[in-house]
Amino acid sequence: MALGPFSKQDHVEITSLGIEFAVSVVLGTWAGYVLDGKLGSGPWLLVAGAFAGFALGFYIILRAAKNMSRADANLKKADKKDGRS
């Protein structure tokens, strides 16, 4: 079964990144909700927790993209060295 330009491993990595992003937003929002309940600060910590979770999820995605790009560059460099390019 053709998966397009992506391998099965790429699909697993993309799916896990999506799950990590969603979990970071949900956990940040939940932590803000719990702190709002304990401190009685209204919805402000919930909103701050949601933004913090979003920022953390975005950081995770950017870090993974950087690592994937570095791995691709190393693979191309190795192929060029071996004369496969």
C-alpha atoms as a PDB file:
ATOM      1  CA  MET A   1       0.000   0.000   0.000  1.00  0.00           C
ATOM      2  CA  ALA A   2       1.498   3.314  -1.080  1.00  0.00           C
ATOM      3  CA  LEU A   3       1.811   5.946   1.613  1.00  0.00           C
ATOM      4  CA  GLY A   4       2.953   8.742  -0.664  1.00  0.00           C
ATOM      5  CA  PRO A   5       6.366  10.281  -0.092  1.00  0.00           C
ATOM      6  CA  PHE A   6       6.340   9.234   3.566  1.00  0.00           C
ATOM      7  CA  SER A   7       7.419   5.915   5.037  1.00  0.00           C
ATOM      8  CA  LYS A   8       5.521   4.094   7.764  1.00  0.00           C
ATOM      9  CA  GLN A   9       8.075   5.389  10.279  1.00  0.00           C
ATOM     10  CA  ASP A  10       7.356   8.958   9.157  1.00  0.00           C
ATOM     11  CA  HIS A  11       3.650   8.388   9.732  1.00  0.00           C
ATOM     12  CA  VAL A  12       4.338   7.087  13.233  1.00  0.00           C
ATOM     13  CA  GLU A  13       6.504  10.113  14.055  1.00  0.00           C
ATOM     14  CA  ILE A  14       3.908  12.558  12.710  1.00  0.00           C
ATOM     15  CA  THR A  15       1.118  10.859  14.653  1.00  0.00           C
ATOM     16  CA  SER A  16       3.117  10.836  17.871  1.00  0.00           C
ATOM     17  CA  LEU A  17       3.905  14.542  17.438  1.00  0.00           C
ATOM     18  CA  GLY A  18       0.208  15.281  17.075  1.00  0.00           C
ATOM     19  CA  ILE A  19      -0.586  13.302  20.203  1.00  0.00           C
ATOM     20  CA  GLU A  20       2.200  15.030  22.158  1.00  0.00           C
ATOM     21  CA  PHE A  21       0.892  18.426  21.067  1.00  0.00           C
ATOM     22  CA  ALA A  22      -2.675  17.603  22.091  1.00  0.00           C
ATOM     23  CA  VAL A  23      -1.586  16.176  25.442  1.00  0.00           C
ATOM     24  CA  SER A  24       0.512  19.244  26.255  1.00  0.00           C
ATOM     25  CA  VAL A  25      -2.441  21.572  25.563  1.00  0.00           C
ATOM     26  CA  VAL A  26      -4.877  19.418  27.549  1.00  0.00           C
ATOM     27  CA  LEU A  27      -2.511  19.078  30.522  1.00  0.00           C
ATOM     28  CA  GLY A  28      -1.746  22.806  30.545  1.00  0.00           C
ATOM     29  CA  THR A  29      -5.441  23.643  30.455  1.00  0.00           C
ATOM     30  CA  TRP A  30      -6.226  21.101  33.177  1.00  0.00           C
ATOM     31  CA  ALA A  31      -3.446  22.438  35.417  1.00  0.00           C
ATOM     32  CA  GLY A  32      -4.783  25.968  34.987  1.00  0.00           C
ATOM     33  CA  TYR A  33      -8.297  24.781  35.793  1.00  0.00           C
ATOM     34  CA  VAL A  34      -7.148  23.052  38.976  1.00  0.00           C
ATOM     35  CA  LEU A  35      -5.129  26.083  40.083  1.00  0.00           C
ATOM     36  CA  ASP A  36      -8.086  28.373  39.377  1.00  0.00           C
ATOM     37  CA  GLY A  37     -10.250  26.186  41.584  1.00  0.00           C
ATOM     38  CA  LYS A  38      -7.751  26.256  44.449  1.00  0.00           C
ATOM     39  CA  LEU A  39      -6.844  29.936  44.191  1.00  0.00           C
ATOM     40  CA  GLY A  40     -10.237  31.288  43.073  1.00  0.00           C
ATOM     41  CA  SER A  41      -8.622  33.397  40.371  1.00  0.00           C
ATOM     42  CA  GLY A  42     -11.334  32.976  37.752  1.00  0.00           C
ATOM     43  CA  PRO A  43     -10.511  31.761  34.283  1.00  0.00           C
ATOM     44  CA  TRP A  44      -7.116  33.461  34.095  1.00  0.00           C
ATOM     45  CA  LEU A  45      -4.897  30.551  35.075  1.00  0.00           C
ATOM     46  CA  LEU A  46      -6.927  28.240  32.821  1.00  0.00           C
ATOM     47  CA  VAL A  47      -6.212  30.533  29.870  1.00  0.00           C
ATOM     48  CA  ALA A  48      -2.558  30.875  30.872  1.00  0.00           C
ATOM     49  CA  GLY A  49      -2.267  27.088  31.196  1.00  0.00           C
ATOM     50  CA  ALA A  50      -3.798  26.603  27.744  1.00  0.00           C
ATOM     51  CA  PHE A  51      -1.333  29.075  26.219  1.00  0.00           C
ATOM     52  CA  ALA A  52       1.583  27.484  28.067  1.00  0.00           C
ATOM     53  CA  GLY A  53       0.517  24.040  26.842  1.00  0.00           C
ATOM     54  CA  PHE A  54       0.231  25.345  23.292  1.00  0.00           C
ATOM     55  CA  ALA A  55       3.697  26.914  23.519  1.00  0.00           C
ATOM     56  CA  LEU A  56       5.173  23.679  24.874  1.00  0.00           C
ATOM     57  CA  GLY A  57       3.511  21.650  22.114  1.00  0.00           C
ATOM     58  CA  PHE A  58       4.789  24.040  19.472  1.00  0.00           C
ATOM     59  CA  TYR A  59       8.305  23.791  20.942  1.00  0.00           C
ATOM     60  CA  ILE A  60       8.125  19.991  20.784  1.00  0.00           C
ATOM     61  CA  ILE A  61       7.126  20.146  17.112  1.00  0.00           C
ATOM     62  CA  LEU A  62       9.890  22.619  16.230  1.00  0.00           C
ATOM     63  CA  ARG A  63      12.507  20.517  18.032  1.00  0.00           C
ATOM     64  CA  ALA A  64      11.371  17.386  16.198  1.00  0.00           C
ATOM     65  CA  ALA A  65      11.424  19.200  12.847  1.00  0.00           C
ATOM     66  CA  LYS A  66      14.971  20.383  13.527  1.00  0.00           C
ATOM     67  CA  ASN A  67      16.082  16.851  14.402  1.00  0.00           C
ATOM     68  CA  MET A  68      14.391  15.415  11.289  1.00  0.00           C
ATOM     69  CA  SER A  69      16.027  18.040   9.112  1.00  0.00           C
ATOM     70  CA  ARG A  70      19.433  17.313  10.628  1.00  0.00           C
ATOM     71  CA  ALA A  71      18.962  13.561  10.098  1.00  0.00           C
ATOM     72  CA  ASP A  72      17.945  14.138   6.467  1.00  0.00           C
ATOM     73  CA  ALA A  73      20.987  16.335   5.854  1.00  0.00           C
ATOM     74  CA  ASN A  74      23.275  13.691   7.384  1.00  0.00           C
ATOM     75  CA  LEU A  75      21.686  11.014   5.198  1.00  0.00           C
ATOM     76  CA  LYS A  76      22.190  13.094   2.061  1.00  0.00           C
ATOM     77  CA  LYS A  77      25.783  13.802   3.059  1.00  0.00           C
ATOM     78  CA  ALA A  78      26.444  10.077   3.582  1.00  0.00           C
ATOM     79  CA  ASP A  79      24.838   9.225   0.233  1.00  0.00           C
ATOM     80  CA  LYS A  80      26.946  11.837  -1.520  1.00  0.00           C
ATOM     81  CA  LYS A  81      30.100  10.500   0.147  1.00  0.00           C
ATOM     82  CA  ASP A  82      29.245   6.961  -0.981  1.00  0.00           C
ATOM     83  CA  GLY A  83      28.594   8.167  -4.525  1.00  0.00           C
ATOM     84  CA  ARG A  84      24.864   7.394  -4.506  1.00  0.00           C
ATOM     85  CA  SER A  85      23.763  10.929  -5.277  1.00  0.00           C
END
